[in-house]
Amino acid sequence: MTLWRPGMRITDDRLNDGPDPVTTESGLILGAGFTLLDFRASRVGKIVTLDLYLHRTGADIVPATNGNVTPDLQVATAPDGWRPTNGTVNGTWGDGIAEGGFVIGNDGLCSLRTTTTTIRGDATAPTGNGSNLRFHIVFIRS
């Protein structure tokens, strides 16, 4: 990092704020009972951001009394190159009513772990009225 000193001139090189982001919107593999509404991933250097927007087409997901989803439910698998390299990382999700946590591992498997309330699915709600879940996570790859 350049320290600014009196008399330094502004140049293109000094204004360079790092590498350009790499992005993708493809390669996500969905878990059973979900359809894709949107997927976006970006990587700047070693920092990766994943945003998944999924619709629940399967049955309702009902949490245990402590909010755990038992067993953890696979919602998607991130593409190669967009996965953590240093173990499992925690992320958050929400649908405007329910919210909770999920994890992504080195294998790219995104698993729903907790929810504050029942997540509605098309199999039990009128078709098309299942929940739309937004997953967000940021992590550093080595």
Protein backbone atom coordinates (compact mmCIF):
# COMPACT_ATOMS: atom_id res chain seq x y z
CA MET A 1 0.00 0.00 0.00
CA THR A 2 1.35 3.43 -0.92
CA LEU A 3 1.42 6.02 1.83
CA TRP A 4 0.45 9.44 0.51
CA ARG A 5 3.06 12.11 1.05
CA PRO A 6 3.08 15.80 0.23
CA GLY A 7 3.95 16.38 -3.40
CA MET A 8 2.89 12.94 -4.67
CA ARG A 9 1.05 12.97 -7.98
CA ILE A 10 -2.13 11.07 -8.69
CA THR A 11 -1.53 8.47 -11.39
CA ASP A 12 -3.60 5.61 -12.84
CA ASP A 13 -1.34 3.11 -11.10
CA ARG A 14 -1.77 4.80 -7.71
CA LEU A 15 -5.54 4.89 -8.15
CA ASN A 16 -5.70 1.16 -8.94
CA ASP A 17 -7.86 -0.32 -6.19
CA GLY A 18 -6.93 -3.93 -6.86
CA PRO A 19 -7.85 -6.69 -9.27
CA ASP A 20 -11.09 -6.60 -11.21
CA PRO A 21 -13.83 -8.89 -9.91
CA VAL A 22 -14.47 -12.27 -11.52
CA THR A 23 -18.15 -13.19 -11.64
CA THR A 24 -20.36 -16.13 -12.50
CA GLU A 25 -24.06 -16.85 -12.67
CA SER A 26 -23.80 -20.52 -13.63
CA GLY A 27 -22.70 -23.87 -12.29
CA LEU A 28 -24.88 -24.01 -9.16
CA ILE A 29 -26.39 -27.47 -8.60
CA LEU A 30 -29.72 -27.45 -6.75
CA GLY A 31 -30.74 -29.75 -3.92
CA ALA A 32 -34.02 -31.68 -4.13
CA GLY A 33 -37.11 -29.56 -3.54
CA PHE A 34 -35.64 -26.24 -4.72
CA THR A 35 -35.74 -24.25 -7.96
CA LEU A 36 -33.35 -21.48 -8.93
CA LEU A 37 -34.56 -17.90 -9.07
CA ASP A 38 -31.10 -16.30 -9.22
CA PHE A 39 -27.46 -17.11 -8.52
CA ARG A 40 -24.58 -14.65 -8.50
CA ALA A 41 -21.03 -15.09 -7.33
CA SER A 42 -18.10 -12.71 -7.38
CA ARG A 43 -14.47 -13.05 -6.45
CA VAL A 44 -11.98 -10.23 -5.92
CA GLY A 45 -8.58 -11.62 -5.10
CA LYS A 46 -9.22 -14.26 -2.46
CA ILE A 47 -12.57 -12.89 -1.25
CA VAL A 48 -15.63 -14.75 -2.53
CA THR A 49 -19.26 -13.61 -2.26
CA LEU A 50 -22.14 -15.97 -3.04
CA ASP A 51 -25.80 -14.97 -3.35
CA LEU A 52 -28.40 -17.68 -3.95
CA TYR A 53 -32.10 -16.96 -4.45
CA LEU A 54 -34.08 -20.21 -4.31
CA HIS A 55 -37.76 -21.19 -4.33
CA ARG A 56 -38.92 -24.05 -2.07
CA THR A 57 -40.91 -26.50 -4.22
CA GLY A 58 -40.77 -29.45 -1.80
CA ALA A 59 -42.58 -30.00 1.49
CA ASP A 60 -42.58 -27.52 4.35
CA ILE A 61 -39.37 -27.43 6.38
CA VAL A 62 -40.38 -27.53 10.04
CA PRO A 63 -37.69 -26.76 12.61
CA ALA A 64 -37.20 -28.62 15.88
CA THR A 65 -38.21 -26.67 18.99
CA ASN A 66 -34.70 -25.20 19.23
CA GLY A 67 -34.75 -23.96 15.61
CA ASN A 68 -32.49 -26.67 14.22
CA VAL A 69 -33.28 -28.23 10.86
CA THR A 70 -32.72 -31.91 11.56
CA PRO A 71 -31.02 -33.34 9.65
CA ASP A 72 -29.28 -30.45 7.86
CA LEU A 73 -30.93 -29.99 4.46
CA GLN A 74 -28.88 -29.70 1.25
CA VAL A 75 -30.12 -26.71 -0.73
CA ALA A 76 -27.38 -26.45 -3.38
CA THR A 77 -23.79 -27.16 -4.33
CA ALA A 78 -21.53 -24.27 -5.35
CA PRO A 79 -19.40 -24.69 -8.47
CA ASP A 80 -15.69 -25.54 -8.33
CA GLY A 81 -13.57 -22.44 -7.74
CA TRP A 82 -16.36 -20.83 -5.70
CA ARG A 83 -15.99 -22.95 -2.57
CA PRO A 84 -14.11 -22.35 0.70
CA THR A 85 -10.68 -23.93 0.94
CA ASN A 86 -10.20 -23.76 4.71
CA GLY A 87 -13.13 -25.76 6.10
CA THR A 88 -16.79 -25.05 6.66
CA VAL A 89 -18.04 -21.45 6.67
CA ASN A 90 -21.30 -20.10 8.16
CA GLY A 91 -23.71 -17.88 6.24
CA THR A 92 -27.17 -16.42 6.71
CA TRP A 93 -30.45 -16.66 4.83
CA GLY A 94 -33.89 -15.09 5.04
CA ASP A 95 -37.21 -15.03 3.20
CA GLY A 96 -38.81 -11.93 4.72
CA ILE A 97 -40.52 -13.95 7.46
CA ALA A 98 -38.14 -16.74 8.46
CA GLU A 99 -34.39 -16.49 8.76
CA GLY A 100 -31.54 -18.65 9.90
CA GLY A 101 -28.14 -20.07 9.18
CA PHE A 102 -26.55 -22.32 6.60
CA VAL A 103 -23.05 -23.64 5.97
CA ILE A 104 -20.89 -24.27 2.94
CA GLY A 105 -18.02 -26.76 3.02
CA ASN A 106 -14.94 -27.44 0.93
CA ASP A 107 -17.12 -29.73 -1.21
CA GLY A 108 -19.37 -26.76 -2.06
CA LEU A 109 -22.36 -28.31 -0.31
CA CYS A 110 -24.70 -25.61 1.04
CA SER A 111 -26.77 -26.99 3.92
CA LEU A 112 -29.66 -25.31 5.73
CA ARG A 113 -29.06 -25.66 9.49
CA THR A 114 -31.50 -23.38 11.33
CA THR A 115 -34.76 -21.50 10.82
CA THR A 116 -36.83 -19.26 13.07
CA THR A 117 -40.11 -20.68 11.75
CA THR A 118 -41.58 -23.09 9.20
CA ILE A 119 -40.41 -22.62 5.62
CA ARG A 120 -43.40 -23.10 3.30
CA GLY A 121 -43.06 -25.33 0.25
CA ASP A 122 -45.18 -25.72 -2.88
CA ALA A 123 -45.89 -29.35 -1.94
CA THR A 124 -47.96 -28.18 1.05
CA ALA A 125 -48.84 -24.58 0.15
CA PRO A 126 -50.76 -23.71 -3.01
CA THR A 127 -48.36 -24.21 -5.94
CA GLY A 128 -46.16 -21.15 -6.41
CA ASN A 129 -46.69 -20.01 -2.82
CA GLY A 130 -43.65 -21.73 -1.36
CA SER A 131 -41.00 -19.58 0.28
CA ASN A 132 -38.33 -17.69 -1.67
CA LEU A 133 -35.11 -17.96 0.30
CA ARG A 134 -32.12 -15.60 -0.11
CA PHE A 135 -28.75 -17.03 0.97
CA HIS A 136 -25.68 -14.81 1.40
CA ILE A 137 -22.13 -15.68 2.38
CA VAL A 138 -18.66 -14.11 2.11
CA PHE A 139 -15.43 -15.99 2.76
CA ILE A 140 -11.71 -15.93 2.01
CA ARG A 141 -10.11 -18.67 -0.12
CA SER A 142 -6.49 -19.55 0.52
